[in-house]
Amino acid sequence: MLVYSFIFTVMFSDISIFVLGQGADGGPRLPLIVNGNNVYYFGLIYQGTVAQAESYCRSLNMDLLSIETPEEDAFIEQTLLNMRK
């Protein structure tokens, strides 16, 4: 089994349930990071397949990360480096 570190993205129209105090299931809210028009969740290391990770993301109304611009790539890289400190 492979180990992945995943970053999830969510559209602004879907984040109110996460930002306002509780998740959709009544659990704690997710620690989201806003960058421009995107919102990111930097998850803990998740052990499983890509299909399992994708299913988990979708259960939170999120998608796996797809980097679309050099600026987004730089933001992701810098955020991950800062998390290691």
N, C-alpha and C. Protein backbone atom coordinates (compact mmCIF):
# COMPACT_ATOMS: atom_id res chain seq x y z
N MET A 1 0.84 -1.17 0.00
CA MET A 1 0.00 0.00 0.00
C MET A 1 0.89 1.24 0.00
N LEU A 2 0.57 2.19 -0.85
CA LEU A 2 1.34 3.43 -0.95
C LEU A 2 0.88 4.44 0.09
N VAL A 3 1.76 5.34 0.44
CA VAL A 3 1.43 6.42 1.37
C VAL A 3 1.48 7.73 0.60
N TYR A 4 0.43 8.50 0.69
CA TYR A 4 0.34 9.77 -0.02
C TYR A 4 0.13 10.90 0.97
N SER A 5 0.65 12.06 0.65
CA SER A 5 0.31 13.28 1.37
C SER A 5 -0.55 14.09 0.42
N PHE A 6 -1.81 14.30 0.79
CA PHE A 6 -2.75 14.93 -0.13
C PHE A 6 -3.10 16.34 0.28
N ILE A 7 -3.36 17.13 -0.70
CA ILE A 7 -3.87 18.48 -0.53
C ILE A 7 -5.22 18.50 -1.24
N PHE A 8 -6.22 18.96 -0.54
CA PHE A 8 -7.55 19.00 -1.10
C PHE A 8 -7.94 20.43 -1.39
N THR A 9 -8.70 20.63 -2.42
CA THR A 9 -9.22 21.96 -2.71
C THR A 9 -10.73 21.93 -2.67
N VAL A 10 -11.31 23.07 -2.37
CA VAL A 10 -12.76 23.17 -2.31
C VAL A 10 -13.16 24.52 -2.91
N MET A 11 -14.28 24.56 -3.57
CA MET A 11 -14.75 25.80 -4.16
C MET A 11 -15.36 26.69 -3.08
N PHE A 12 -15.24 28.01 -3.22
CA PHE A 12 -15.79 28.94 -2.23
C PHE A 12 -17.26 28.67 -1.94
N SER A 13 -18.03 28.31 -2.92
CA SER A 13 -19.47 28.11 -2.70
C SER A 13 -19.75 26.97 -1.74
N ASP A 14 -18.77 26.09 -1.52
CA ASP A 14 -18.98 24.94 -0.65
C ASP A 14 -18.35 25.08 0.73
N ILE A 15 -17.60 26.15 1.01
CA ILE A 15 -16.82 26.15 2.24
C ILE A 15 -17.55 26.60 3.48
N SER A 16 -18.71 27.21 3.36
CA SER A 16 -19.34 27.76 4.55
C SER A 16 -19.56 26.71 5.62
N ILE A 17 -19.85 25.48 5.25
CA ILE A 17 -20.08 24.45 6.26
C ILE A 17 -18.80 24.09 7.00
N PHE A 18 -17.65 24.36 6.41
CA PHE A 18 -16.38 24.03 7.05
C PHE A 18 -15.82 25.20 7.85
N VAL A 19 -16.03 26.40 7.39
CA VAL A 19 -15.40 27.56 8.00
C VAL A 19 -16.16 28.07 9.21
N LEU A 20 -17.45 27.81 9.28
CA LEU A 20 -18.27 28.40 10.32
C LEU A 20 -18.31 27.61 11.62
N GLY A 21 -17.44 26.65 11.82
CA GLY A 21 -17.34 26.02 13.13
C GLY A 21 -17.48 24.52 13.14
N GLN A 22 -18.27 23.96 12.24
CA GLN A 22 -18.43 22.52 12.23
C GLN A 22 -18.40 22.01 10.81
N GLY A 23 -17.95 20.77 10.67
CA GLY A 23 -18.01 20.12 9.38
C GLY A 23 -19.43 19.68 9.09
N ALA A 24 -19.66 19.19 7.90
CA ALA A 24 -21.00 18.77 7.49
C ALA A 24 -21.52 17.64 8.37
N ASP A 25 -20.61 16.83 8.92
CA ASP A 25 -21.03 15.72 9.77
C ASP A 25 -21.15 16.11 11.24
N GLY A 26 -21.01 17.41 11.55
CA GLY A 26 -21.10 17.86 12.93
C GLY A 26 -19.78 17.82 13.66
N GLY A 27 -18.74 17.30 13.00
CA GLY A 27 -17.41 17.22 13.61
C GLY A 27 -16.71 18.56 13.55
N PRO A 28 -15.46 18.60 13.97
CA PRO A 28 -14.71 19.87 13.96
C PRO A 28 -14.49 20.36 12.54
N ARG A 29 -14.37 21.66 12.41
CA ARG A 29 -14.13 22.24 11.09
C ARG A 29 -12.73 21.89 10.61
N LEU A 30 -12.54 21.96 9.32
CA LEU A 30 -11.24 21.69 8.72
C LEU A 30 -10.38 22.94 8.75
N PRO A 31 -9.07 22.79 8.96
CA PRO A 31 -8.17 23.95 8.90
C PRO A 31 -7.88 24.31 7.45
N LEU A 32 -8.61 25.25 6.91
CA LEU A 32 -8.48 25.62 5.50
C LEU A 32 -7.57 26.82 5.33
N ILE A 33 -6.85 26.85 4.22
CA ILE A 33 -5.95 27.95 3.88
C ILE A 33 -6.43 28.57 2.58
N VAL A 34 -6.64 29.88 2.59
CA VAL A 34 -7.13 30.59 1.41
C VAL A 34 -5.94 31.19 0.66
N ASN A 35 -5.93 31.02 -0.66
CA ASN A 35 -4.94 31.64 -1.53
C ASN A 35 -5.66 32.07 -2.81
N GLY A 36 -5.86 33.37 -2.95
CA GLY A 36 -6.59 33.86 -4.12
C GLY A 36 -8.02 33.36 -4.10
N ASN A 37 -8.45 32.75 -5.20
CA ASN A 37 -9.81 32.23 -5.31
C ASN A 37 -9.92 30.77 -4.90
N ASN A 38 -8.85 30.21 -4.36
CA ASN A 38 -8.85 28.80 -3.97
C ASN A 38 -8.73 28.65 -2.46
N VAL A 39 -9.29 27.56 -1.98
CA VAL A 39 -9.20 27.21 -0.56
C VAL A 39 -8.60 25.81 -0.51
N TYR A 40 -7.62 25.62 0.38
CA TYR A 40 -6.88 24.37 0.45
C TYR A 40 -6.97 23.75 1.84
N TYR A 41 -7.00 22.44 1.86
CA TYR A 41 -6.86 21.68 3.10
C TYR A 41 -5.61 20.82 2.93
N PHE A 42 -4.62 21.07 3.76
CA PHE A 42 -3.39 20.28 3.73
C PHE A 42 -3.57 19.16 4.74
N GLY A 43 -3.93 17.99 4.25
CA GLY A 43 -4.25 16.87 5.12
C GLY A 43 -3.03 16.18 5.67
N LEU A 44 -3.27 15.42 6.69
CA LEU A 44 -2.22 14.58 7.25
C LEU A 44 -1.87 13.50 6.24
N ILE A 45 -0.77 12.83 6.47
CA ILE A 45 -0.41 11.74 5.56
C ILE A 45 -1.50 10.69 5.63
N TYR A 46 -1.98 10.31 4.49
CA TYR A 46 -3.09 9.38 4.35
C TYR A 46 -2.55 8.11 3.74
N GLN A 47 -2.82 6.99 4.35
CA GLN A 47 -2.33 5.73 3.81
C GLN A 47 -3.47 5.03 3.10
N GLY A 48 -3.28 4.78 1.82
CA GLY A 48 -4.31 4.13 1.02
C GLY A 48 -4.05 4.35 -0.45
N THR A 49 -5.00 3.97 -1.25
CA THR A 49 -4.87 4.11 -2.69
C THR A 49 -5.36 5.49 -3.13
N VAL A 50 -5.05 5.84 -4.36
CA VAL A 50 -5.54 7.10 -4.91
C VAL A 50 -7.07 7.10 -4.92
N ALA A 51 -7.66 5.97 -5.28
CA ALA A 51 -9.13 5.88 -5.30
C ALA A 51 -9.72 6.12 -3.92
N GLN A 52 -9.08 5.58 -2.87
CA GLN A 52 -9.57 5.80 -1.51
C GLN A 52 -9.43 7.27 -1.11
N ALA A 53 -8.32 7.89 -1.48
CA ALA A 53 -8.11 9.30 -1.16
C ALA A 53 -9.13 10.16 -1.90
N GLU A 54 -9.38 9.83 -3.15
CA GLU A 54 -10.38 10.58 -3.92
C GLU A 54 -11.76 10.43 -3.30
N SER A 55 -12.10 9.25 -2.86
CA SER A 55 -13.38 9.01 -2.20
C SER A 55 -13.50 9.83 -0.92
N TYR A 56 -12.41 9.88 -0.15
CA TYR A 56 -12.40 10.67 1.08
C TYR A 56 -12.61 12.15 0.76
N CYS A 57 -11.91 12.64 -0.24
CA CYS A 57 -12.08 14.04 -0.65
C CYS A 57 -13.53 14.33 -1.00
N ARG A 58 -14.10 13.47 -1.79
CA ARG A 58 -15.48 13.70 -2.24
C ARG A 58 -16.46 13.64 -1.09
N SER A 59 -16.15 12.85 -0.05
CA SER A 59 -17.03 12.81 1.12
C SER A 59 -17.04 14.15 1.85
N LEU A 60 -16.02 14.98 1.61
CA LEU A 60 -15.92 16.31 2.21
C LEU A 60 -16.27 17.41 1.20
N ASN A 61 -16.86 17.02 0.07
CA ASN A 61 -17.18 17.96 -1.02
C ASN A 61 -15.93 18.66 -1.54
N MET A 62 -14.83 17.92 -1.63
CA MET A 62 -13.56 18.45 -2.11
C MET A 62 -13.03 17.58 -3.24
N ASP A 63 -11.98 18.06 -3.88
CA ASP A 63 -11.29 17.31 -4.93
C ASP A 63 -9.81 17.23 -4.59
N LEU A 64 -9.15 16.22 -5.15
CA LEU A 64 -7.70 16.16 -5.03
C LEU A 64 -7.10 17.35 -5.78
N LEU A 65 -5.95 17.77 -5.34
CA LEU A 65 -5.30 18.94 -5.92
C LEU A 65 -4.90 18.70 -7.37
N SER A 66 -5.14 19.70 -8.19
CA SER A 66 -4.65 19.75 -9.56
C SER A 66 -4.03 21.12 -9.74
N ILE A 67 -2.70 21.18 -9.78
CA ILE A 67 -2.01 22.47 -9.88
C ILE A 67 -2.17 23.01 -11.29
N GLU A 68 -2.65 24.25 -11.38
CA GLU A 68 -2.99 24.81 -12.68
C GLU A 68 -2.10 25.96 -13.13
N THR A 69 -1.35 26.57 -12.22
CA THR A 69 -0.50 27.71 -12.61
C THR A 69 0.84 27.62 -11.89
N PRO A 70 1.86 28.29 -12.43
CA PRO A 70 3.15 28.35 -11.72
C PRO A 70 3.02 29.03 -10.35
N GLU A 71 2.12 30.00 -10.25
CA GLU A 71 1.92 30.69 -8.97
C GLU A 71 1.32 29.75 -7.93
N GLU A 72 0.39 28.92 -8.36
CA GLU A 72 -0.21 27.95 -7.44
C GLU A 72 0.84 26.93 -7.01
N ASP A 73 1.67 26.51 -7.94
CA ASP A 73 2.75 25.57 -7.63
C ASP A 73 3.68 26.16 -6.58
N ALA A 74 4.05 27.42 -6.75
CA ALA A 74 4.94 28.09 -5.78
C ALA A 74 4.27 28.20 -4.42
N PHE A 75 2.97 28.52 -4.39
CA PHE A 75 2.24 28.62 -3.13
C PHE A 75 2.22 27.27 -2.41
N ILE A 76 1.93 26.21 -3.14
CA ILE A 76 1.88 24.86 -2.54
C ILE A 76 3.24 24.49 -1.99
N GLU A 77 4.28 24.72 -2.78
CA GLU A 77 5.64 24.39 -2.34
C GLU A 77 6.01 25.16 -1.07
N GLN A 78 5.76 26.46 -1.05
CA GLN A 78 6.11 27.28 0.11
C GLN A 78 5.31 26.86 1.34
N THR A 79 4.04 26.58 1.16
CA THR A 79 3.20 26.15 2.28
C THR A 79 3.71 24.84 2.87
N LEU A 80 4.05 23.89 2.01
CA LEU A 80 4.58 22.61 2.50
C LEU A 80 5.91 22.79 3.22
N LEU A 81 6.77 23.65 2.69
CA LEU A 81 8.04 23.92 3.36
C LEU A 81 7.81 24.55 4.73
N ASN A 82 6.86 25.48 4.83
CA ASN A 82 6.55 26.11 6.11
C ASN A 82 5.97 25.13 7.11
N MET A 83 5.27 24.12 6.64
CA MET A 83 4.67 23.12 7.53
C MET A 83 5.73 22.22 8.15
N ARG A 84 6.88 22.11 7.52
CA ARG A 84 7.96 21.26 8.02
C ARG A 84 8.69 21.90 9.18
N LYS A 85 8.54 23.22 9.36
CA LYS A 85 9.28 23.94 10.39
C LYS A 85 8.71 23.70 11.76
